[in-house]
PDB file of all heavy atoms in Angstrom:
ATOM      1  N   GLN A   1       4.722 -18.498   6.142  1.00  0.00           N
ATOM      2  CA  GLN A   1       5.910 -19.242   5.724  1.00  0.00           C
ATOM      3  C   GLN A   1       6.375 -18.779   4.348  1.00  0.00           C
ATOM      4  O   GLN A   1       5.570 -18.279   3.540  1.00  0.00           O
ATOM      5  CB  GLN A   1       5.599 -20.735   5.685  1.00  0.00           C
ATOM      6  CG  GLN A   1       5.354 -21.332   7.062  1.00  0.00           C
ATOM      7  CD  GLN A   1       5.223 -22.847   7.008  1.00  0.00           C
ATOM      8  OE1 GLN A   1       4.973 -23.427   5.957  1.00  0.00           O
ATOM      9  NE2 GLN A   1       5.397 -23.492   8.151  1.00  0.00           N
ATOM     10  N   PRO A   2       7.661 -18.948   4.067  1.00  0.00           N
ATOM     11  CA  PRO A   2       8.144 -18.624   2.711  1.00  0.00           C
ATOM     12  C   PRO A   2       7.330 -19.360   1.658  1.00  0.00           C
ATOM     13  O   PRO A   2       6.994 -20.541   1.825  1.00  0.00           O
ATOM     14  CB  PRO A   2       9.595 -19.113   2.744  1.00  0.00           C
ATOM     15  CG  PRO A   2       9.987 -18.996   4.179  1.00  0.00           C
ATOM     16  CD  PRO A   2       8.754 -19.360   4.958  1.00  0.00           C
ATOM     17  N   GLY A   3       7.011 -18.637   0.595  1.00  0.00           N
ATOM     18  CA  GLY A   3       6.171 -19.183  -0.455  1.00  0.00           C
ATOM     19  C   GLY A   3       4.688 -18.960  -0.234  1.00  0.00           C
ATOM     20  O   GLY A   3       3.880 -19.217  -1.141  1.00  0.00           O
ATOM     21  N   GLY A   4       4.326 -18.483   0.931  1.00  0.00           N
ATOM     22  CA  GLY A   4       2.922 -18.258   1.250  1.00  0.00           C
ATOM     23  C   GLY A   4       2.403 -16.944   0.722  1.00  0.00           C
ATOM     24  O   GLY A   4       3.113 -16.189   0.042  1.00  0.00           O
ATOM     25  N   SER A   5       1.139 -16.666   1.055  1.00  0.00           N
ATOM     26  CA  SER A   5       0.456 -15.468   0.561  1.00  0.00           C
ATOM     27  C   SER A   5      -0.229 -14.736   1.709  1.00  0.00           C
ATOM     28  O   SER A   5      -0.625 -15.360   2.715  1.00  0.00           O
ATOM     29  CB  SER A   5      -0.593 -15.840  -0.480  1.00  0.00           C
ATOM     30  OG  SER A   5       0.002 -16.446  -1.608  1.00  0.00           O
ATOM     31  N   LEU A   6      -0.377 -13.447   1.536  1.00  0.00           N
ATOM     32  CA  LEU A   6      -1.163 -12.614   2.433  1.00  0.00           C
ATOM     33  C   LEU A   6      -1.843 -11.541   1.597  1.00  0.00           C
ATOM     34  O   LEU A   6      -1.324 -11.138   0.548  1.00  0.00           O
ATOM     35  CB  LEU A   6      -0.289 -11.923   3.486  1.00  0.00           C
ATOM     36  CG  LEU A   6       0.221 -12.715   4.684  1.00  0.00           C
ATOM     37  CD1 LEU A   6       1.160 -11.844   5.514  1.00  0.00           C
ATOM     38  CD2 LEU A   6      -0.925 -13.220   5.537  1.00  0.00           C
ATOM     39  N   ARG A   7      -2.988 -11.070   2.089  1.00  0.00           N
ATOM     40  CA  ARG A   7      -3.627  -9.923   1.475  1.00  0.00           C
ATOM     41  C   ARG A   7      -3.788  -8.839   2.525  1.00  0.00           C
ATOM     42  O   ARG A   7      -4.466  -9.036   3.534  1.00  0.00           O
ATOM     43  CB  ARG A   7      -4.988 -10.259   0.870  1.00  0.00           C
ATOM     44  CG  ARG A   7      -5.537  -9.086   0.044  1.00  0.00           C
ATOM     45  CD  ARG A   7      -6.824  -9.406  -0.677  1.00  0.00           C
ATOM     46  NE  ARG A   7      -7.995  -9.246   0.161  1.00  0.00           N
ATOM     47  CZ  ARG A   7      -9.203  -8.890  -0.284  1.00  0.00           C
ATOM     48  NH1 ARG A   7      -9.366  -8.657  -1.571  1.00  0.00           N
ATOM     49  NH2 ARG A   7     -10.225  -8.798   0.530  1.00  0.00           N
ATOM     50  N   LEU A   8      -3.164  -7.708   2.259  1.00  0.00           N
ATOM     51  CA  LEU A   8      -3.284  -6.560   3.141  1.00  0.00           C
ATOM     52  C   LEU A   8      -4.430  -5.676   2.666  1.00  0.00           C
ATOM     53  O   LEU A   8      -4.668  -5.545   1.458  1.00  0.00           O
ATOM     54  CB  LEU A   8      -1.994  -5.745   3.156  1.00  0.00           C
ATOM     55  CG  LEU A   8      -0.706  -6.502   3.490  1.00  0.00           C
ATOM     56  CD1 LEU A   8       0.467  -5.524   3.533  1.00  0.00           C
ATOM     57  CD2 LEU A   8      -0.835  -7.260   4.782  1.00  0.00           C
ATOM     58  N   SER A   9      -5.099  -5.074   3.614  1.00  0.00           N
ATOM     59  CA  SER A   9      -6.168  -4.129   3.319  1.00  0.00           C
ATOM     60  C   SER A   9      -5.879  -2.810   4.009  1.00  0.00           C
ATOM     61  O   SER A   9      -5.268  -2.780   5.080  1.00  0.00           O
ATOM     62  CB  SER A   9      -7.516  -4.658   3.816  1.00  0.00           C
ATOM     63  OG  SER A   9      -7.849  -5.883   3.211  1.00  0.00           O
ATOM     64  N   CYS A  10      -6.331  -1.738   3.410  1.00  0.00           N
ATOM     65  CA  CYS A  10      -6.200  -0.408   4.003  1.00  0.00           C
ATOM     66  C   CYS A  10      -7.515   0.321   3.791  1.00  0.00           C
ATOM     67  O   CYS A  10      -7.835   0.718   2.664  1.00  0.00           O
ATOM     68  CB  CYS A  10      -5.045   0.346   3.370  1.00  0.00           C
ATOM     69  SG  CYS A  10      -4.886   2.063   3.904  1.00  0.00           S
ATOM     70  N   ALA A  11      -8.260   0.443   4.856  1.00  0.00           N
ATOM     71  CA  ALA A  11      -9.553   1.120   4.800  1.00  0.00           C
ATOM     72  C   ALA A  11      -9.355   2.597   5.127  1.00  0.00           C
ATOM     73  O   ALA A  11      -8.703   2.933   6.123  1.00  0.00           O
ATOM     74  CB  ALA A  11     -10.509   0.484   5.796  1.00  0.00           C
ATOM     75  N   THR A  12      -9.907   3.441   4.295  1.00  0.00           N
ATOM     76  CA  THR A  12      -9.757   4.878   4.495  1.00  0.00           C
ATOM     77  C   THR A  12     -11.096   5.527   4.830  1.00  0.00           C
ATOM     78  O   THR A  12     -12.158   4.983   4.502  1.00  0.00           O
ATOM     79  CB  THR A  12      -9.185   5.563   3.250  1.00  0.00           C
ATOM     80  OG1 THR A  12     -10.169   5.572   2.216  1.00  0.00           O
ATOM     81  CG2 THR A  12      -7.930   4.864   2.755  1.00  0.00           C
ATOM     82  N   SER A  13     -11.023   6.683   5.458  1.00  0.00           N
ATOM     83  CA  SER A  13     -12.210   7.474   5.748  1.00  0.00           C
ATOM     84  C   SER A  13     -11.814   8.934   5.782  1.00  0.00           C
ATOM     85  O   SER A  13     -10.636   9.274   5.936  1.00  0.00           O
ATOM     86  CB  SER A  13     -12.840   7.051   7.074  1.00  0.00           C
ATOM     87  OG  SER A  13     -11.927   7.225   8.140  1.00  0.00           O
ATOM     88  N   GLY A  14     -12.805   9.787   5.611  1.00  0.00           N
ATOM     89  CA  GLY A  14     -12.561  11.224   5.678  1.00  0.00           C
ATOM     90  C   GLY A  14     -12.118  11.851   4.379  1.00  0.00           C
ATOM     91  O   GLY A  14     -11.767  13.042   4.368  1.00  0.00           O
ATOM     92  N   ILE A  15     -12.101  11.072   3.284  1.00  0.00           N
ATOM     93  CA  ILE A  15     -11.704  11.602   1.988  1.00  0.00           C
ATOM     94  C   ILE A  15     -12.626  11.053   0.901  1.00  0.00           C
ATOM     95  O   ILE A  15     -13.324  10.061   1.121  1.00  0.00           O
ATOM     96  CB  ILE A  15     -10.253  11.230   1.614  1.00  0.00           C
ATOM     97  CG1 ILE A  15     -10.092   9.700   1.546  1.00  0.00           C
ATOM     98  CG2 ILE A  15      -9.259  11.846   2.564  1.00  0.00           C
ATOM     99  CD1 ILE A  15      -8.767   9.246   0.973  1.00  0.00           C
ATOM    100  N   ILE A  16     -12.601  11.721  -0.260  1.00  0.00           N
ATOM    101  CA  ILE A  16     -13.259  11.152  -1.447  1.00  0.00           C
ATOM    102  C   ILE A  16     -12.218  10.243  -2.088  1.00  0.00           C
ATOM    103  O   ILE A  16     -11.420  10.655  -2.936  1.00  0.00           O
ATOM    104  CB  ILE A  16     -13.737  12.257  -2.398  1.00  0.00           C
ATOM    105  CG1 ILE A  16     -14.681  13.206  -1.651  1.00  0.00           C
ATOM    106  CG2 ILE A  16     -14.457  11.623  -3.590  1.00  0.00           C
ATOM    107  CD1 ILE A  16     -15.114  14.409  -2.465  1.00  0.00           C
ATOM    108  N   PHE A  17     -12.219   9.006  -1.653  1.00  0.00           N
ATOM    109  CA  PHE A  17     -11.149   8.052  -1.944  1.00  0.00           C
ATOM    110  C   PHE A  17     -10.869   7.950  -3.439  1.00  0.00           C
ATOM    111  O   PHE A  17      -9.708   7.881  -3.859  1.00  0.00           O
ATOM    112  CB  PHE A  17     -11.555   6.687  -1.371  1.00  0.00           C
ATOM    113  CG  PHE A  17     -10.591   5.585  -1.635  1.00  0.00           C
ATOM    114  CD1 PHE A  17      -9.418   5.481  -0.896  1.00  0.00           C
ATOM    115  CD2 PHE A  17     -10.866   4.615  -2.598  1.00  0.00           C
ATOM    116  CE1 PHE A  17      -8.530   4.443  -1.125  1.00  0.00           C
ATOM    117  CE2 PHE A  17      -9.983   3.575  -2.822  1.00  0.00           C
ATOM    118  CZ  PHE A  17      -8.811   3.485  -2.085  1.00  0.00           C
ATOM    119  N   SER A  18     -11.908   7.952  -4.241  1.00  0.00           N
ATOM    120  CA  SER A  18     -11.757   7.696  -5.676  1.00  0.00           C
ATOM    121  C   SER A  18     -10.929   8.768  -6.387  1.00  0.00           C
ATOM    122  O   SER A  18     -10.459   8.541  -7.505  1.00  0.00           O
ATOM    123  CB  SER A  18     -13.121   7.574  -6.338  1.00  0.00           C
ATOM    124  OG  SER A  18     -13.855   8.783  -6.192  1.00  0.00           O
ATOM    125  N   LEU A  19     -10.722   9.901  -5.760  1.00  0.00           N
ATOM    126  CA  LEU A  19     -10.016  10.998  -6.413  1.00  0.00           C
ATOM    127  C   LEU A  19      -8.502  10.892  -6.329  1.00  0.00           C
ATOM    128  O   LEU A  19      -7.784  11.584  -7.063  1.00  0.00           O
ATOM    129  CB  LEU A  19     -10.434  12.342  -5.781  1.00  0.00           C
ATOM    130  CG  LEU A  19     -11.882  12.766  -5.957  1.00  0.00           C
ATOM    131  CD1 LEU A  19     -12.110  14.115  -5.276  1.00  0.00           C
ATOM    132  CD2 LEU A  19     -12.261  12.838  -7.427  1.00  0.00           C
ATOM    133  N   TYR A  20      -8.004  10.020  -5.457  1.00  0.00           N
ATOM    134  CA  TYR A  20      -6.590  10.057  -5.112  1.00  0.00           C
ATOM    135  C   TYR A  20      -5.834   8.783  -5.464  1.00  0.00           C
ATOM    136  O   TYR A  20      -6.379   7.673  -5.394  1.00  0.00           O
ATOM    137  CB  TYR A  20      -6.433  10.326  -3.617  1.00  0.00           C
ATOM    138  CG  TYR A  20      -7.032  11.630  -3.199  1.00  0.00           C
ATOM    139  CD1 TYR A  20      -8.271  11.666  -2.562  1.00  0.00           C
ATOM    140  CD2 TYR A  20      -6.384  12.827  -3.464  1.00  0.00           C
ATOM    141  CE1 TYR A  20      -8.840  12.882  -2.194  1.00  0.00           C
ATOM    142  CE2 TYR A  20      -6.949  14.045  -3.091  1.00  0.00           C
ATOM    143  CZ  TYR A  20      -8.180  14.051  -2.464  1.00  0.00           C
ATOM    144  OH  TYR A  20      -8.738  15.250  -2.100  1.00  0.00           O
ATOM    145  N   ALA A  21      -4.567   8.988  -5.805  1.00  0.00           N
ATOM    146  CA  ALA A  21      -3.656   7.852  -5.885  1.00  0.00           C
ATOM    147  C   ALA A  21      -3.376   7.354  -4.473  1.00  0.00           C
ATOM    148  O   ALA A  21      -3.293   8.142  -3.520  1.00  0.00           O
ATOM    149  CB  ALA A  21      -2.354   8.254  -6.562  1.00  0.00           C
ATOM    150  N   VAL A  22      -3.230   6.061  -4.360  1.00  0.00           N
ATOM    151  CA  VAL A  22      -2.924   5.433  -3.067  1.00  0.00           C
ATOM    152  C   VAL A  22      -1.857   4.369  -3.292  1.00  0.00           C
ATOM    153  O   VAL A  22      -1.563   4.015  -4.446  1.00  0.00           O
ATOM    154  CB  VAL A  22      -4.179   4.799  -2.424  1.00  0.00           C
ATOM    155  CG1 VAL A  22      -5.155   5.878  -1.977  1.00  0.00           C
ATOM    156  CG2 VAL A  22      -4.863   3.838  -3.375  1.00  0.00           C
ATOM    157  N   GLY A  23      -1.301   3.882  -2.219  1.00  0.00           N
ATOM    158  CA  GLY A  23      -0.275   2.867  -2.406  1.00  0.00           C
ATOM    159  C   GLY A  23       0.254   2.318  -1.105  1.00  0.00           C
ATOM    160  O   GLY A  23      -0.309   2.567  -0.030  1.00  0.00           O
ATOM    161  N   TRP A  24       1.324   1.570  -1.264  1.00  0.00           N
ATOM    162  CA  TRP A  24       1.967   0.904  -0.131  1.00  0.00           C
ATOM    163  C   TRP A  24       3.477   1.138  -0.162  1.00  0.00           C
ATOM    164  O   TRP A  24       4.107   1.084  -1.224  1.00  0.00           O
ATOM    165  CB  TRP A  24       1.709  -0.602  -0.191  1.00  0.00           C
ATOM    166  CG  TRP A  24       0.284  -0.994  -0.041  1.00  0.00           C
ATOM    167  CD1 TRP A  24      -0.651  -1.113  -1.034  1.00  0.00           C
ATOM    168  CD2 TRP A  24      -0.384  -1.337   1.177  1.00  0.00           C
ATOM    169  NE1 TRP A  24      -1.859  -1.497  -0.502  1.00  0.00           N
ATOM    170  CE2 TRP A  24      -1.719  -1.649   0.850  1.00  0.00           C
ATOM    171  CE3 TRP A  24       0.016  -1.422   2.511  1.00  0.00           C
ATOM    172  CZ2 TRP A  24      -2.653  -2.030   1.811  1.00  0.00           C
ATOM    173  CZ3 TRP A  24      -0.906  -1.809   3.459  1.00  0.00           C
ATOM    174  CH2 TRP A  24      -2.231  -2.100   3.114  1.00  0.00           C
ATOM    175  N   TYR A  25       4.020   1.377   1.016  1.00  0.00           N
ATOM    176  CA  TYR A  25       5.444   1.349   1.255  1.00  0.00           C
ATOM    177  C   TYR A  25       5.694   0.263   2.299  1.00  0.00           C
ATOM    178  O   TYR A  25       4.772  -0.226   2.945  1.00  0.00           O
ATOM    179  CB  TYR A  25       5.942   2.692   1.804  1.00  0.00           C
ATOM    180  CG  TYR A  25       6.299   3.717   0.764  1.00  0.00           C
ATOM    181  CD1 TYR A  25       5.314   4.285  -0.038  1.00  0.00           C
ATOM    182  CD2 TYR A  25       7.615   4.137   0.610  1.00  0.00           C
ATOM    183  CE1 TYR A  25       5.647   5.245  -0.976  1.00  0.00           C
ATOM    184  CE2 TYR A  25       7.949   5.108  -0.329  1.00  0.00           C
ATOM    185  CZ  TYR A  25       6.957   5.655  -1.115  1.00  0.00           C
ATOM    186  OH  TYR A  25       7.287   6.612  -2.046  1.00  0.00           O
ATOM    187  N   ARG A  26       6.962  -0.066   2.479  1.00  0.00           N
ATOM    188  CA  ARG A  26       7.323  -0.966   3.561  1.00  0.00           C
ATOM    189  C   ARG A  26       8.658  -0.563   4.153  1.00  0.00           C
ATOM    190  O   ARG A  26       9.463   0.105   3.505  1.00  0.00           O
ATOM    191  CB  ARG A  26       7.378  -2.417   3.066  1.00  0.00           C
ATOM    192  CG  ARG A  26       8.558  -2.722   2.147  1.00  0.00           C
ATOM    193  CD  ARG A  26       8.465  -4.152   1.663  1.00  0.00           C
ATOM    194  NE  ARG A  26       9.654  -4.526   0.887  1.00  0.00           N
ATOM    195  CZ  ARG A  26       9.795  -5.688   0.271  1.00  0.00           C
ATOM    196  NH1 ARG A  26       8.829  -6.608   0.322  1.00  0.00           N
ATOM    197  NH2 ARG A  26      10.903  -5.949  -0.393  1.00  0.00           N
ATOM    198  N   GLN A  27       8.864  -0.979   5.386  1.00  0.00           N
ATOM    199  CA  GLN A  27      10.133  -0.730   6.059  1.00  0.00           C
ATOM    200  C   GLN A  27      10.547  -1.987   6.786  1.00  0.00           C
ATOM    201  O   GLN A  27       9.893  -2.398   7.763  1.00  0.00           O
ATOM    202  CB  GLN A  27      10.037   0.444   7.026  1.00  0.00           C
ATOM    203  CG  GLN A  27      11.373   0.840   7.616  1.00  0.00           C
ATOM    204  CD  GLN A  27      11.349   2.218   8.271  1.00  0.00           C
ATOM    205  OE1 GLN A  27      10.286   2.770   8.535  1.00  0.00           O
ATOM    206  NE2 GLN A  27      12.519   2.776   8.506  1.00  0.00           N
ATOM    207  N   GLY A  28      11.616  -2.604   6.294  1.00  0.00           N
ATOM    208  CA  GLY A  28      12.133  -3.804   6.913  1.00  0.00           C
ATOM    209  C   GLY A  28      13.066  -3.471   8.063  1.00  0.00           C
ATOM    210  O   GLY A  28      13.485  -2.312   8.221  1.00  0.00           O
ATOM    211  N   PRO A  29      13.422  -4.458   8.872  1.00  0.00           N
ATOM    212  CA  PRO A  29      14.313  -4.232  10.018  1.00  0.00           C
ATOM    213  C   PRO A  29      15.649  -3.635   9.578  1.00  0.00           C
ATOM    214  O   PRO A  29      16.336  -4.215   8.726  1.00  0.00           O
ATOM    215  CB  PRO A  29      14.498  -5.637  10.597  1.00  0.00           C
ATOM    216  CG  PRO A  29      13.419  -6.465  10.028  1.00  0.00           C
ATOM    217  CD  PRO A  29      13.011  -5.857   8.740  1.00  0.00           C
ATOM    218  N   GLY A  30      16.000  -2.491  10.108  1.00  0.00           N
ATOM    219  CA  GLY A  30      17.261  -1.853   9.783  1.00  0.00           C
ATOM    220  C   GLY A  30      17.342  -1.264   8.392  1.00  0.00           C
ATOM    221  O   GLY A  30      18.432  -0.934   7.918  1.00  0.00           O
ATOM    222  N   LYS A  31      16.201  -1.141   7.739  1.00  0.00           N
ATOM    223  CA  LYS A  31      16.177  -0.632   6.368  1.00  0.00           C
ATOM    224  C   LYS A  31      15.386   0.657   6.277  1.00  0.00           C
ATOM    225  O   LYS A  31      14.574   0.969   7.158  1.00  0.00           O
ATOM    226  CB  LYS A  31      15.563  -1.672   5.431  1.00  0.00           C
ATOM    227  CG  LYS A  31      16.329  -2.977   5.364  1.00  0.00           C
ATOM    228  CD  LYS A  31      15.644  -3.942   4.406  1.00  0.00           C
ATOM    229  CE  LYS A  31      16.367  -5.256   4.330  1.00  0.00           C
ATOM    230  NZ  LYS A  31      15.694  -6.219   3.390  1.00  0.00           N
ATOM    231  N   GLN A  32      15.602   1.373   5.178  1.00  0.00           N
ATOM    232  CA  GLN A  32      14.802   2.557   4.918  1.00  0.00           C
ATOM    233  C   GLN A  32      13.452   2.157   4.351  1.00  0.00           C
ATOM    234  O   GLN A  32      13.291   1.074   3.784  1.00  0.00           O
ATOM    235  CB  GLN A  32      15.537   3.472   3.929  1.00  0.00           C
ATOM    236  CG  GLN A  32      16.793   4.117   4.494  1.00  0.00           C
ATOM    237  CD  GLN A  32      17.373   5.154   3.551  1.00  0.00           C
ATOM    238  OE1 GLN A  32      17.268   5.030   2.337  1.00  0.00           O
ATOM    239  NE2 GLN A  32      17.996   6.172   4.112  1.00  0.00           N
ATOM    240  N   ARG A  33      12.486   3.049   4.506  1.00  0.00           N
ATOM    241  CA  ARG A  33      11.177   2.805   3.920  1.00  0.00           C
ATOM    242  C   ARG A  33      11.312   2.798   2.401  1.00  0.00           C
ATOM    243  O   ARG A  33      11.992   3.647   1.823  1.00  0.00           O
ATOM    244  CB  ARG A  33      10.198   3.880   4.369  1.00  0.00           C
ATOM    245  CG  ARG A  33       8.751   3.584   4.043  1.00  0.00           C
ATOM    246  CD  ARG A  33       7.812   4.598   4.656  1.00  0.00           C
ATOM    247  NE  ARG A  33       7.777   4.519   6.109  1.00  0.00           N
ATOM    248  CZ  ARG A  33       6.853   5.117   6.859  1.00  0.00           C
ATOM    249  NH1 ARG A  33       5.893   5.829   6.290  1.00  0.00           N
ATOM    250  NH2 ARG A  33       6.894   5.013   8.180  1.00  0.00           N
ATOM    251  N   GLU A  34      10.662   1.829   1.752  1.00  0.00           N
ATOM    252  CA  GLU A  34      10.759   1.719   0.295  1.00  0.00           C
ATOM    253  C   GLU A  34       9.376   1.549  -0.317  1.00  0.00           C
ATOM    254  O   GLU A  34       8.461   0.980   0.292  1.00  0.00           O
ATOM    255  CB  GLU A  34      11.639   0.524  -0.106  1.00  0.00           C
ATOM    256  CG  GLU A  34      11.116  -0.824   0.321  1.00  0.00           C
ATOM    257  CD  GLU A  34      11.951  -1.988  -0.215  1.00  0.00           C
ATOM    258  OE1 GLU A  34      12.717  -1.800  -1.181  1.00  0.00           O
ATOM    259  OE2 GLU A  34      11.812  -3.096   0.339  1.00  0.00           O
ATOM    260  N   LEU A  35       9.261   2.020  -1.536  1.00  0.00           N
ATOM    261  CA  LEU A  35       8.002   1.900  -2.263  1.00  0.00           C
ATOM    262  C   LEU A  35       7.727   0.443  -2.591  1.00  0.00           C
ATOM    263  O   LEU A  35       8.620  -0.292  -3.012  1.00  0.00           O
ATOM    264  CB  LEU A  35       8.072   2.704  -3.551  1.00  0.00           C
ATOM    265  CG  LEU A  35       6.882   2.573  -4.491  1.00  0.00           C
ATOM    266  CD1 LEU A  35       5.647   3.222  -3.892  1.00  0.00           C
ATOM    267  CD2 LEU A  35       7.207   3.161  -5.852  1.00  0.00           C
ATOM    268  N   VAL A  36       6.476   0.038  -2.432  1.00  0.00           N
ATOM    269  CA  VAL A  36       6.044  -1.292  -2.841  1.00  0.00           C
ATOM    270  C   VAL A  36       5.222  -1.186  -4.126  1.00  0.00           C
ATOM    271  O   VAL A  36       5.565  -1.794  -5.141  1.00  0.00           O
ATOM    272  CB  VAL A  36       5.209  -1.957  -1.736  1.00  0.00           C
ATOM    273  CG1 VAL A  36       4.649  -3.299  -2.226  1.00  0.00           C
ATOM    274  CG2 VAL A  36       6.043  -2.145  -0.474  1.00  0.00           C
ATOM    275  N   ALA A  37       4.141  -0.421  -4.077  1.00  0.00           N
ATOM    276  CA  ALA A  37       3.261  -0.319  -5.229  1.00  0.00           C
ATOM    277  C   ALA A  37       2.357   0.886  -5.077  1.00  0.00           C
ATOM    278  O   ALA A  37       2.079   1.324  -3.953  1.00  0.00           O
ATOM    279  CB  ALA A  37       2.407  -1.583  -5.363  1.00  0.00           C
ATOM    280  N   THR A  38       1.921   1.401  -6.210  1.00  0.00           N
ATOM    281  CA  THR A  38       0.975   2.506  -6.219  1.00  0.00           C
ATOM    282  C   THR A  38      -0.134   2.224  -7.222  1.00  0.00           C
ATOM    283  O   THR A  38       0.054   1.442  -8.169  1.00  0.00           O
ATOM    284  CB  THR A  38       1.652   3.833  -6.601  1.00  0.00           C
ATOM    285  OG1 THR A  38       2.161   3.720  -7.939  1.00  0.00           O
ATOM    286  CG2 THR A  38       2.789   4.173  -5.660  1.00  0.00           C
ATOM    287  N   ILE A  39      -1.264   2.857  -7.024  1.00  0.00           N
ATOM    288  CA  ILE A  39      -2.360   2.775  -7.960  1.00  0.00           C
ATOM    289  C   ILE A  39      -3.009   4.149  -8.047  1.00  0.00           C
ATOM    290  O   ILE A  39      -3.312   4.762  -7.017  1.00  0.00           O
ATOM    291  CB  ILE A  39      -3.375   1.671  -7.572  1.00  0.00           C
ATOM    292  CG1 ILE A  39      -4.457   1.539  -8.634  1.00  0.00           C
ATOM    293  CG2 ILE A  39      -3.944   1.894  -6.182  1.00  0.00           C
ATOM    294  CD1 ILE A  39      -5.298   0.254  -8.483  1.00  0.00           C
ATOM    295  N   THR A  40      -3.174   4.632  -9.260  1.00  0.00           N
ATOM    296  CA  THR A  40      -3.739   5.959  -9.453  1.00  0.00           C
ATOM    297  C   THR A  40      -5.264   5.927  -9.317  1.00  0.00           C
ATOM    298  O   THR A  40      -5.872   4.854  -9.233  1.00  0.00           O
ATOM    299  CB  THR A  40      -3.373   6.505 -10.827  1.00  0.00           C
ATOM    300  OG1 THR A  40      -4.045   5.727 -11.834  1.00  0.00           O
ATOM    301  CG2 THR A  40      -1.878   6.469 -11.064  1.00  0.00           C
ATOM    302  N   SER A  41      -5.839   7.108  -9.351  1.00  0.00           N
ATOM    303  CA  SER A  41      -7.301   7.184  -9.292  1.00  0.00           C
ATOM    304  C   SER A  41      -7.923   6.495 -10.494  1.00  0.00           C
ATOM    305  O   SER A  41      -9.040   5.972 -10.414  1.00  0.00           O
ATOM    306  CB  SER A  41      -7.754   8.645  -9.220  1.00  0.00           C
ATOM    307  OG  SER A  41      -7.261   9.370 -10.332  1.00  0.00           O
ATOM    308  N   GLY A  42      -7.200   6.460 -11.600  1.00  0.00           N
ATOM    309  CA  GLY A  42      -7.702   5.801 -12.802  1.00  0.00           C
ATOM    310  C   GLY A  42      -7.399   4.316 -12.878  1.00  0.00           C
ATOM    311  O   GLY A  42      -7.774   3.653 -13.843  1.00  0.00           O
ATOM    312  N   GLY A  43      -6.687   3.809 -11.876  1.00  0.00           N
ATOM    313  CA  GLY A  43      -6.420   2.373 -11.822  1.00  0.00           C
ATOM    314  C   GLY A  43      -5.077   1.954 -12.403  1.00  0.00           C
ATOM    315  O   GLY A  43      -4.790   0.753 -12.477  1.00  0.00           O
TER     316      GLY A  43
END
């Protein structure tokens, strides 16, 4: 519901995860994919 919360998780495998920047994009209905957030290897 509006005002609520969710926590998304993304589990990775096959890489040395700590070495890479990772992040999230999203694509809404009828919209282009847009950046949500990124986090570098250093945090």
